Structure formats: C-alpha cells, structure tokens
Amino acid sequence: MNKQIRLFFPKGKSVDKYSKVDIKNINKTILNKPLRSLDGNTPKEAFIKVFDEDIFNELF
C-alpha cells in the first residue's frame, strides 16, 4: 500500500494542503484500484472477501 499512497503523497512533501474531503477521495481511489499483488482484485474486494461487506461498510 505504501507504493499506492506515495502516488498521491510523495515522500518528503507536506500533506497539510489536503482537506479531509481530498483524503477521502484519495482513499476511495486507492481502495478501488485493482492490484496485481491482490490477483487483480481491488483492496476493497479483498477486504470484503476476508471480512464481509457489512464490516467494510461500518468502517467506510
């Protein structure tokens, strides 16, 4: 996930300029991006397979 996060927040750069809405939108983007390391699943899909969609919805 660090690699995905660094696409939006480069190392050494301040995150102070981002609003809570910006962070939520970035989070949505990351959660819905298919990853090779997850066999082409998105992080959201992988989480739901392991923990259930109800738990995901409670968290997000």
N, C-alpha and C. Protein backbone atom coordinates (compact mmCIF):
# COMPACT_ATOMS: atom_id res chain seq x y z
N MET A 1 0.82 -1.19 0.00
CA MET A 1 0.00 0.00 0.00
C MET A 1 0.87 1.26 0.00
N ASN A 2 2.05 1.17 0.55
CA ASN A 2 2.91 2.34 0.59
C ASN A 2 3.14 2.90 -0.81
N LYS A 3 3.35 2.01 -1.76
CA LYS A 3 3.58 2.44 -3.15
C LYS A 3 2.36 3.19 -3.68
N GLN A 4 1.18 2.70 -3.36
CA GLN A 4 -0.05 3.35 -3.82
C GLN A 4 -0.23 4.72 -3.16
N ILE A 5 0.05 4.77 -1.88
CA ILE A 5 -0.09 6.03 -1.15
C ILE A 5 0.91 7.07 -1.65
N ARG A 6 2.13 6.62 -1.97
CA ARG A 6 3.17 7.55 -2.45
C ARG A 6 2.82 8.16 -3.81
N LEU A 7 1.92 7.55 -4.55
CA LEU A 7 1.48 8.15 -5.82
C LEU A 7 0.79 9.49 -5.57
N PHE A 8 0.13 9.59 -4.43
CA PHE A 8 -0.61 10.81 -4.09
C PHE A 8 0.15 11.71 -3.12
N PHE A 9 0.96 11.07 -2.27
CA PHE A 9 1.69 11.80 -1.25
C PHE A 9 3.18 11.48 -1.35
N PRO A 10 3.90 12.18 -2.19
CA PRO A 10 5.34 11.90 -2.35
C PRO A 10 6.10 12.06 -1.04
N LYS A 11 7.09 11.21 -0.86
CA LYS A 11 7.92 11.25 0.35
C LYS A 11 8.56 12.62 0.49
N GLY A 12 8.51 13.15 1.70
CA GLY A 12 9.14 14.43 1.99
C GLY A 12 8.24 15.64 1.73
N LYS A 13 7.08 15.41 1.14
CA LYS A 13 6.15 16.52 0.87
C LYS A 13 5.11 16.59 1.98
N SER A 14 4.72 17.80 2.33
CA SER A 14 3.73 18.01 3.38
C SER A 14 2.34 17.60 2.88
N VAL A 15 1.57 17.02 3.78
CA VAL A 15 0.18 16.67 3.46
C VAL A 15 -0.80 17.70 4.01
N ASP A 16 -0.25 18.77 4.57
CA ASP A 16 -1.09 19.79 5.19
C ASP A 16 -2.04 20.48 4.22
N LYS A 17 -1.70 20.47 2.94
CA LYS A 17 -2.53 21.19 1.96
C LYS A 17 -3.81 20.42 1.59
N TYR A 18 -3.92 19.16 2.01
CA TYR A 18 -5.07 18.34 1.67
C TYR A 18 -6.18 18.49 2.71
N SER A 19 -7.40 18.61 2.22
CA SER A 19 -8.55 18.68 3.12
C SER A 19 -9.02 17.26 3.44
N LYS A 20 -9.92 17.13 4.39
CA LYS A 20 -10.48 15.82 4.72
C LYS A 20 -11.21 15.23 3.51
N VAL A 21 -11.86 16.07 2.74
CA VAL A 21 -12.55 15.60 1.53
C VAL A 21 -11.54 15.07 0.52
N ASP A 22 -10.42 15.77 0.36
CA ASP A 22 -9.35 15.31 -0.54
C ASP A 22 -8.86 13.92 -0.11
N ILE A 23 -8.62 13.76 1.18
CA ILE A 23 -8.11 12.49 1.71
C ILE A 23 -9.13 11.37 1.47
N LYS A 24 -10.40 11.66 1.70
CA LYS A 24 -11.44 10.64 1.48
C LYS A 24 -11.49 10.24 0.01
N ASN A 25 -11.37 11.20 -0.89
CA ASN A 25 -11.40 10.89 -2.32
C ASN A 25 -10.18 10.08 -2.74
N ILE A 26 -9.03 10.40 -2.20
CA ILE A 26 -7.82 9.63 -2.49
C ILE A 26 -7.98 8.21 -1.95
N ASN A 27 -8.53 8.08 -0.76
CA ASN A 27 -8.76 6.77 -0.16
C ASN A 27 -9.68 5.93 -1.05
N LYS A 28 -10.76 6.53 -1.54
CA LYS A 28 -11.68 5.82 -2.44
C LYS A 28 -10.96 5.35 -3.69
N THR A 29 -10.13 6.21 -4.24
CA THR A 29 -9.37 5.86 -5.45
C THR A 29 -8.46 4.67 -5.19
N ILE A 30 -7.74 4.70 -4.08
CA ILE A 30 -6.83 3.61 -3.75
C ILE A 30 -7.59 2.32 -3.49
N LEU A 31 -8.70 2.40 -2.77
CA LEU A 31 -9.48 1.20 -2.44
C LEU A 31 -10.09 0.54 -3.67
N ASN A 32 -10.29 1.31 -4.74
CA ASN A 32 -10.96 0.79 -5.92
C ASN A 32 -10.03 0.53 -7.10
N LYS A 33 -8.73 0.56 -6.86
CA LYS A 33 -7.76 0.31 -7.92
C LYS A 33 -7.29 -1.15 -7.87
N PRO A 34 -7.53 -1.91 -8.95
CA PRO A 34 -7.06 -3.30 -8.96
C PRO A 34 -5.54 -3.38 -8.83
N LEU A 35 -5.08 -4.34 -8.05
CA LEU A 35 -3.65 -4.51 -7.80
C LEU A 35 -3.22 -5.92 -8.18
N ARG A 36 -2.10 -6.00 -8.86
CA ARG A 36 -1.55 -7.30 -9.24
C ARG A 36 -1.27 -8.14 -7.99
N SER A 37 -0.82 -7.50 -6.93
CA SER A 37 -0.48 -8.23 -5.71
C SER A 37 -1.71 -8.84 -5.03
N LEU A 38 -2.89 -8.39 -5.45
CA LEU A 38 -4.15 -8.95 -4.93
C LEU A 38 -4.86 -9.77 -6.01
N ASP A 39 -4.08 -10.31 -6.92
CA ASP A 39 -4.61 -11.12 -8.03
C ASP A 39 -5.63 -10.35 -8.86
N GLY A 40 -5.39 -9.06 -9.04
CA GLY A 40 -6.27 -8.24 -9.85
C GLY A 40 -7.49 -7.71 -9.12
N ASN A 41 -7.62 -8.05 -7.85
CA ASN A 41 -8.72 -7.52 -7.05
C ASN A 41 -8.36 -6.14 -6.53
N THR A 42 -9.36 -5.39 -6.18
CA THR A 42 -9.13 -4.12 -5.53
C THR A 42 -8.93 -4.39 -4.03
N PRO A 43 -8.31 -3.46 -3.29
CA PRO A 43 -8.22 -3.65 -1.84
C PRO A 43 -9.61 -3.81 -1.21
N LYS A 44 -10.58 -3.08 -1.73
CA LYS A 44 -11.95 -3.20 -1.21
C LYS A 44 -12.48 -4.62 -1.41
N GLU A 45 -12.32 -5.17 -2.60
CA GLU A 45 -12.80 -6.53 -2.87
C GLU A 45 -12.09 -7.55 -1.99
N ALA A 46 -10.79 -7.39 -1.83
CA ALA A 46 -10.02 -8.32 -1.00
C ALA A 46 -10.49 -8.26 0.45
N PHE A 47 -10.70 -7.06 0.97
CA PHE A 47 -11.17 -6.90 2.34
C PHE A 47 -12.52 -7.58 2.53
N ILE A 48 -13.42 -7.34 1.58
CA ILE A 48 -14.76 -7.92 1.68
C ILE A 48 -14.72 -9.44 1.63
N LYS A 49 -13.84 -10.00 0.80
CA LYS A 49 -13.72 -11.46 0.74
C LYS A 49 -13.29 -12.05 2.08
N VAL A 50 -12.44 -11.33 2.79
CA VAL A 50 -11.92 -11.84 4.05
C VAL A 50 -12.84 -11.52 5.23
N PHE A 51 -13.36 -10.30 5.28
CA PHE A 51 -14.06 -9.85 6.48
C PHE A 51 -15.56 -9.63 6.33
N ASP A 52 -16.10 -9.54 5.13
CA ASP A 52 -17.52 -9.35 4.88
C ASP A 52 -17.83 -7.87 4.56
N GLU A 53 -18.80 -7.70 3.72
CA GLU A 53 -19.15 -6.36 3.26
C GLU A 53 -19.74 -5.49 4.37
N ASP A 54 -20.45 -6.10 5.29
CA ASP A 54 -21.03 -5.32 6.39
C ASP A 54 -19.95 -4.65 7.22
N ILE A 55 -18.87 -5.35 7.48
CA ILE A 55 -17.76 -4.76 8.25
C ILE A 55 -17.12 -3.64 7.45
N PHE A 56 -16.93 -3.86 6.15
CA PHE A 56 -16.37 -2.81 5.30
C PHE A 56 -17.24 -1.55 5.37
N ASN A 57 -18.53 -1.73 5.24
CA ASN A 57 -19.45 -0.58 5.27
C ASN A 57 -19.44 0.15 6.61
N GLU A 58 -19.23 -0.58 7.69
CA GLU A 58 -19.12 0.06 9.01
C GLU A 58 -17.88 0.94 9.10
N LEU A 59 -16.81 0.50 8.46
CA LEU A 59 -15.55 1.23 8.53
C LEU A 59 -15.51 2.42 7.59
N PHE A 60 -16.18 2.29 6.45
CA PHE A 60 -16.10 3.33 5.44
C PHE A 60 -17.47 3.87 5.15
